[in-house]
Amino acid sequence: MIVEARVGDRVSRVEVRAVGDRYLVSVDDRTLDVDFIDCGDGFLSLMVDGESHDVTVERRSGGFALTLRGSRVIVDLGPSLPAGVAPRHGSGSAARLVAPMPGKIVRILVPAGGSVEAAQGVVVMEAMKMENELRAPRTGTVREVHVQEGQTVETGALLVVVE
């Protein structure tokens, strides 16, 4: 999954890739090896490049509020698209939305035949014990929905086609 994250005035490109039972998290040009345990109630125990961190996470509109080492950090997620959102050819052709990582489909927000605006939520997928709203890669019509709620998918699985 690739997102644009804003902390204060700094905007970074963040990519998360599952590798076995851990994750590689790239922030701009720096890659971190991350493992975590969800301890419940918004509390995570992280191991980042071999260093332990305790973090509390609160969902908020447009992102998260994190508390790390007593400091609260607001992370806003921009409208960038997840990894795997790939237009097939030109701007007038269909665009495919694929699973950016292994996970479970929680909700289909727009059925086949439904109209969508660019960056509008289309599918909600649970991955890394968090729900991720996958967004329409362009304005158009959802032509095909290749998954159903409750279905488990692997990285790269075709989810939706938008024309």
Protein backbone atom coordinates (compact mmCIF):
# COMPACT_ATOMS: atom_id res chain seq x y z
CA MET A 1 0.00 0.00 0.00
CA ILE A 2 1.32 3.47 -0.81
CA VAL A 3 -0.02 6.60 0.88
CA GLU A 4 0.96 10.21 1.26
CA ALA A 5 1.36 11.07 4.96
CA ARG A 6 1.54 14.58 6.41
CA VAL A 7 3.01 15.33 9.84
CA GLY A 8 2.95 19.08 10.40
CA ASP A 9 4.46 20.68 7.30
CA ARG A 10 6.28 17.54 6.19
CA VAL A 11 4.72 15.32 3.53
CA SER A 12 6.18 11.85 2.96
CA ARG A 13 5.50 8.96 0.63
CA VAL A 14 4.93 5.84 2.75
CA GLU A 15 4.86 2.33 1.31
CA VAL A 16 3.98 -0.74 3.40
CA ARG A 17 4.80 -4.23 2.11
CA ALA A 18 4.10 -7.50 3.92
CA VAL A 19 7.12 -9.82 4.04
CA GLY A 20 6.24 -13.03 5.87
CA ASP A 21 5.01 -12.12 9.35
CA ARG A 22 6.57 -8.63 9.36
CA TYR A 23 6.44 -5.49 7.21
CA LEU A 24 8.86 -3.36 5.27
CA VAL A 25 7.85 0.27 5.64
CA SER A 26 9.49 2.78 3.31
CA VAL A 27 9.24 6.44 4.27
CA ASP A 28 10.52 8.50 1.37
CA ASP A 29 13.87 6.77 0.68
CA ARG A 30 14.36 5.08 4.08
CA THR A 31 13.17 1.47 4.59
CA LEU A 32 12.33 0.11 8.05
CA ASP A 33 11.80 -3.50 9.13
CA VAL A 34 8.66 -3.49 11.31
CA ASP A 35 6.98 -6.16 13.42
CA PHE A 36 4.13 -5.41 15.79
CA ILE A 37 1.76 -6.85 18.35
CA ASP A 38 -1.71 -5.37 18.70
CA CYS A 39 -2.19 -5.27 22.47
CA GLY A 40 -5.79 -3.99 22.16
CA ASP A 41 -7.44 -0.68 23.03
CA GLY A 42 -5.35 1.15 20.41
CA PHE A 43 -2.04 0.10 21.95
CA LEU A 44 0.69 -1.38 19.71
CA SER A 45 4.04 -2.84 20.65
CA LEU A 46 6.38 -2.23 17.69
CA MET A 47 9.80 -3.58 16.85
CA VAL A 48 11.35 -1.19 14.31
CA ASP A 49 14.77 -2.21 12.98
CA GLY A 50 15.33 -4.15 16.20
CA GLU A 51 14.31 -1.29 18.52
CA SER A 52 11.18 -1.61 20.69
CA HIS A 53 8.51 1.13 20.73
CA ASP A 54 5.15 1.37 22.49
CA VAL A 55 2.56 3.38 20.57
CA THR A 56 -1.06 4.30 21.10
CA VAL A 57 -3.11 4.80 17.95
CA GLU A 58 -6.38 6.71 17.62
CA ARG A 59 -8.28 6.79 14.34
CA ARG A 60 -9.39 10.28 13.39
CA SER A 61 -10.94 11.78 10.31
CA GLY A 62 -8.33 11.71 7.56
CA GLY A 63 -5.69 9.82 9.50
CA PHE A 64 -4.43 8.94 12.96
CA ALA A 65 -3.24 10.46 16.23
CA LEU A 66 -0.21 8.57 17.57
CA THR A 67 1.35 8.84 21.00
CA LEU A 68 4.99 7.75 21.11
CA ARG A 69 7.36 8.40 24.04
CA GLY A 70 4.85 10.80 25.56
CA SER A 71 4.55 12.93 22.41
CA ARG A 72 1.34 13.11 20.41
CA VAL A 73 1.74 13.19 16.62
CA ILE A 74 -1.09 13.82 14.15
CA VAL A 75 -0.66 11.94 10.87
CA ASP A 76 -2.98 12.98 8.03
CA LEU A 77 -3.24 10.65 5.08
CA GLY A 78 -3.49 12.32 1.70
CA PRO A 79 -5.54 11.32 -1.30
CA SER A 80 -2.76 9.32 -2.92
CA LEU A 81 -3.71 5.89 -4.12
CA PRO A 82 -2.65 2.55 -2.71
CA ALA A 83 -0.02 0.45 -4.46
CA GLY A 84 -1.57 -1.58 -7.18
CA VAL A 85 -3.89 1.12 -8.48
CA ALA A 86 -2.83 1.02 -12.07
CA PRO A 87 -4.49 2.56 -15.09
CA ARG A 88 -4.31 0.08 -17.95
CA HIS A 89 -3.40 2.52 -20.72
CA GLY A 90 -4.50 6.12 -21.27
CA SER A 91 -6.73 8.24 -19.09
CA GLY A 92 -9.80 7.14 -21.07
CA SER A 93 -9.35 3.41 -20.47
CA ALA A 94 -10.24 1.19 -17.53
CA ALA A 95 -8.26 1.28 -14.29
CA ARG A 96 -7.71 -1.77 -12.11
CA LEU A 97 -7.69 -1.66 -8.32
CA VAL A 98 -5.69 -4.56 -6.88
CA ALA A 99 -4.99 -5.66 -3.30
CA PRO A 100 -1.89 -3.81 -2.05
CA MET A 101 -1.21 -6.58 0.52
CA PRO A 102 -2.84 -9.75 1.82
CA GLY A 103 -6.06 -9.13 3.73
CA LYS A 104 -9.79 -9.65 4.09
CA ILE A 105 -12.51 -7.71 2.28
CA VAL A 106 -14.69 -6.08 4.93
CA ARG A 107 -17.10 -4.00 2.81
CA ILE A 108 -17.87 -3.22 -0.80
CA LEU A 109 -18.76 0.49 -0.82
CA VAL A 110 -19.72 0.83 -4.50
CA PRO A 111 -21.37 -2.04 -6.39
CA ALA A 112 -20.85 -2.85 -10.07
CA GLY A 113 -22.61 -0.21 -12.14
CA GLY A 114 -22.16 2.47 -9.48
CA SER A 115 -20.62 5.84 -10.24
CA VAL A 116 -17.47 6.97 -8.40
CA GLU A 117 -15.38 10.10 -8.11
CA ALA A 118 -11.58 9.90 -8.14
CA ALA A 119 -10.27 8.97 -4.66
CA GLN A 120 -13.74 7.92 -3.44
CA GLY A 121 -13.74 4.82 -1.22
CA VAL A 122 -14.71 1.67 -3.16
CA VAL A 123 -13.60 -1.28 -0.99
CA VAL A 124 -12.68 -1.60 2.70
CA MET A 125 -9.99 -4.18 3.33
CA GLU A 126 -8.62 -5.35 6.68
CA ALA A 127 -4.85 -5.80 6.68
CA MET A 128 -2.29 -5.54 9.47
CA LYS A 129 -5.23 -5.55 11.94
CA MET A 130 -6.40 -2.21 10.52
CA GLU A 131 -9.16 -1.33 8.09
CA ASN A 132 -7.93 0.34 4.90
CA GLU A 133 -10.29 2.13 2.54
CA LEU A 134 -9.14 1.51 -1.01
CA ARG A 135 -10.08 4.36 -3.30
CA ALA A 136 -11.21 4.74 -6.88
CA PRO A 137 -8.23 5.47 -9.12
CA ARG A 138 -10.33 7.79 -11.28
CA THR A 139 -13.79 9.20 -11.81
CA GLY A 140 -16.02 6.77 -13.67
CA THR A 141 -18.23 3.72 -13.31
CA VAL A 142 -17.41 0.54 -11.42
CA ARG A 143 -17.63 -2.01 -14.24
CA GLU A 144 -16.51 -5.12 -12.36
CA VAL A 145 -16.26 -6.16 -8.72
CA HIS A 146 -14.13 -9.30 -8.42
CA VAL A 147 -14.47 -9.86 -4.65
CA GLN A 148 -17.14 -10.25 -2.04
CA GLU A 149 -17.38 -9.27 1.61
CA GLY A 150 -15.58 -11.72 3.89
CA GLN A 151 -13.26 -12.95 1.12
CA THR A 152 -9.54 -13.29 1.86
CA VAL A 153 -7.26 -11.95 -0.88
CA GLU A 154 -3.54 -12.08 -1.62
CA THR A 155 -1.31 -9.21 -2.74
CA GLY A 156 -2.10 -8.27 -6.34
CA ALA A 157 -5.59 -9.81 -6.43
CA LEU A 158 -7.90 -7.89 -8.77
CA LEU A 159 -10.61 -6.20 -6.69
CA VAL A 160 -12.41 -3.69 -8.91
CA VAL A 161 -12.29 -2.30 -12.46
CA VAL A 162 -13.33 1.35 -13.01
CA GLU A 163 -14.02 2.78 -16.48
